């Protein structure tokens, strides 16, 4: 069993930055991919960024060049640095990992980009 605890969401003006964090409740092997998803009102949940050992991170096209995913394996924590935020980035952001055939999700953190 793994619990994922997210933090770092909030309200920011367009063009601003936020850094999301997601800490796992137990050690997560570095080989286990970790990812960030988001879900805006009335829309399906979508993959924003994913980090996998030995590969370049994957990004949603609309965030490429603005968002950066990283992880600290010693802390079993994944981060999402979000720069040049746009109103269309407004959503609830969820941390995800899949371990031993089970999908784990964080509780979600709200990101609102508005003047």
Protein backbone atom coordinates (compact mmCIF):
# COMPACT_ATOMS: atom_id res chain seq x y z
CA UNK A 1 0.00 0.00 0.00
CA UNK A 2 1.28 3.45 -0.97
CA UNK A 3 -0.15 6.82 -0.07
CA UNK A 4 0.68 9.82 -2.20
CA UNK A 5 0.49 13.25 -0.62
CA UNK A 6 0.53 16.29 -2.90
CA UNK A 7 1.23 19.89 -2.07
CA UNK A 8 2.02 23.17 -3.76
CA UNK A 9 -1.18 24.07 -5.59
CA UNK A 10 -2.85 27.45 -5.37
CA UNK A 11 -3.93 30.58 -7.20
CA UNK A 12 -1.47 32.25 -9.54
CA UNK A 13 -1.70 34.93 -12.21
CA UNK A 14 -1.07 34.11 -15.87
CA UNK A 15 2.64 33.93 -16.54
CA UNK A 16 3.38 32.90 -12.98
CA UNK A 17 4.95 29.73 -11.59
CA UNK A 18 4.09 27.00 -9.14
CA UNK A 19 5.92 23.90 -7.95
CA UNK A 20 3.94 20.81 -7.05
CA UNK A 21 5.33 18.07 -4.83
CA UNK A 22 4.15 14.52 -4.29
CA UNK A 23 5.62 12.38 -1.55
CA UNK A 24 5.08 8.63 -1.32
CA UNK A 25 4.45 7.10 2.10
CA UNK A 26 7.04 4.37 1.56
CA UNK A 27 10.11 3.80 -0.53
CA UNK A 28 9.38 3.65 -4.23
CA UNK A 29 11.92 2.00 -6.46
CA UNK A 30 13.50 4.38 -8.94
CA UNK A 31 12.42 2.02 -11.72
CA UNK A 32 8.75 2.73 -10.98
CA UNK A 33 7.41 5.48 -13.23
CA UNK A 34 5.79 8.42 -11.51
CA UNK A 35 3.50 10.89 -13.20
CA UNK A 36 1.31 13.93 -12.91
CA UNK A 37 -2.20 14.04 -14.35
CA UNK A 38 -4.75 16.83 -14.34
CA UNK A 39 -8.48 17.14 -14.67
CA UNK A 40 -10.30 20.33 -15.53
CA UNK A 41 -14.05 20.76 -14.91
CA UNK A 42 -16.06 18.88 -17.52
CA UNK A 43 -12.98 17.28 -19.05
CA UNK A 44 -11.29 13.91 -18.86
CA UNK A 45 -8.21 13.36 -16.77
CA UNK A 46 -5.09 13.72 -18.89
CA UNK A 47 -1.44 12.85 -18.50
CA UNK A 48 0.65 15.97 -17.99
CA UNK A 49 4.13 14.53 -17.42
CA UNK A 50 5.74 11.20 -16.62
CA UNK A 51 9.22 10.31 -15.48
CA UNK A 52 10.74 6.87 -16.01
CA UNK A 53 14.19 5.59 -15.17
CA UNK A 54 16.59 5.70 -18.10
CA UNK A 55 14.27 7.63 -20.42
CA UNK A 56 13.54 11.23 -21.22
CA UNK A 57 10.39 12.47 -19.47
CA UNK A 58 7.12 12.54 -21.41
CA UNK A 59 5.06 15.71 -21.57
CA UNK A 60 1.65 16.76 -22.78
CA UNK A 61 2.25 18.82 -25.92
CA UNK A 62 0.60 21.91 -24.48
CA UNK A 63 2.96 22.02 -21.47
CA UNK A 64 6.20 21.06 -23.21
CA UNK A 65 8.86 23.69 -22.57
CA UNK A 66 6.91 25.20 -19.67
CA UNK A 67 6.65 22.32 -17.19
CA UNK A 68 9.45 20.16 -15.83
CA UNK A 69 9.01 16.89 -13.97
CA UNK A 70 11.72 15.62 -11.65
CA UNK A 71 12.10 13.18 -8.78
CA UNK A 72 14.17 12.67 -5.68
CA UNK A 73 14.52 8.91 -5.33
CA UNK A 74 15.99 9.17 -1.84
CA UNK A 75 12.77 10.86 -0.72
CA UNK A 76 10.43 8.97 -3.07
CA UNK A 77 9.12 12.35 -4.13
CA UNK A 78 8.19 13.66 -7.56
CA UNK A 79 7.95 17.33 -8.47
CA UNK A 80 6.30 19.35 -11.19
CA UNK A 81 7.75 22.79 -11.83
CA UNK A 82 5.21 24.82 -13.78
CA UNK A 83 6.29 28.06 -15.44
CA UNK A 84 4.54 30.49 -17.76
CA UNK A 85 1.20 29.29 -16.48
CA UNK A 86 -1.89 29.91 -18.58
CA UNK A 87 -5.58 29.99 -17.63
CA UNK A 88 -6.06 26.72 -19.53
CA UNK A 89 -3.69 25.04 -17.05
CA UNK A 90 -6.37 25.45 -14.39
CA UNK A 91 -7.26 22.00 -13.08
CA UNK A 92 -6.90 19.59 -10.21
CA UNK A 93 -3.48 17.98 -10.48
CA UNK A 94 -2.99 14.37 -9.37
CA UNK A 95 0.13 12.39 -8.67
CA UNK A 96 0.17 8.79 -9.90
CA UNK A 97 2.28 5.69 -9.77
CA UNK A 98 1.67 2.06 -10.59
CA UNK A 99 3.39 -0.52 -8.41
CA UNK A 100 2.91 -4.29 -8.27
CA UNK A 101 -0.06 -4.01 -10.61
CA UNK A 102 -1.90 -1.43 -8.53
CA UNK A 103 -2.62 2.17 -9.50
CA UNK A 104 -2.11 4.72 -6.74
CA UNK A 105 -3.41 8.29 -6.87
CA UNK A 106 -2.92 11.30 -4.69
CA UNK A 107 -5.87 13.28 -3.35
CA UNK A 108 -5.32 16.06 -5.89
CA UNK A 109 -4.22 19.66 -5.55
CA UNK A 110 -6.05 22.58 -7.15
CA UNK A 111 -4.16 24.87 -9.50
CA UNK A 112 -6.01 28.00 -10.59
CA UNK A 113 -4.51 30.43 -13.09
CA UNK A 114 -6.45 33.67 -13.15
CA UNK A 115 -6.03 37.43 -12.92
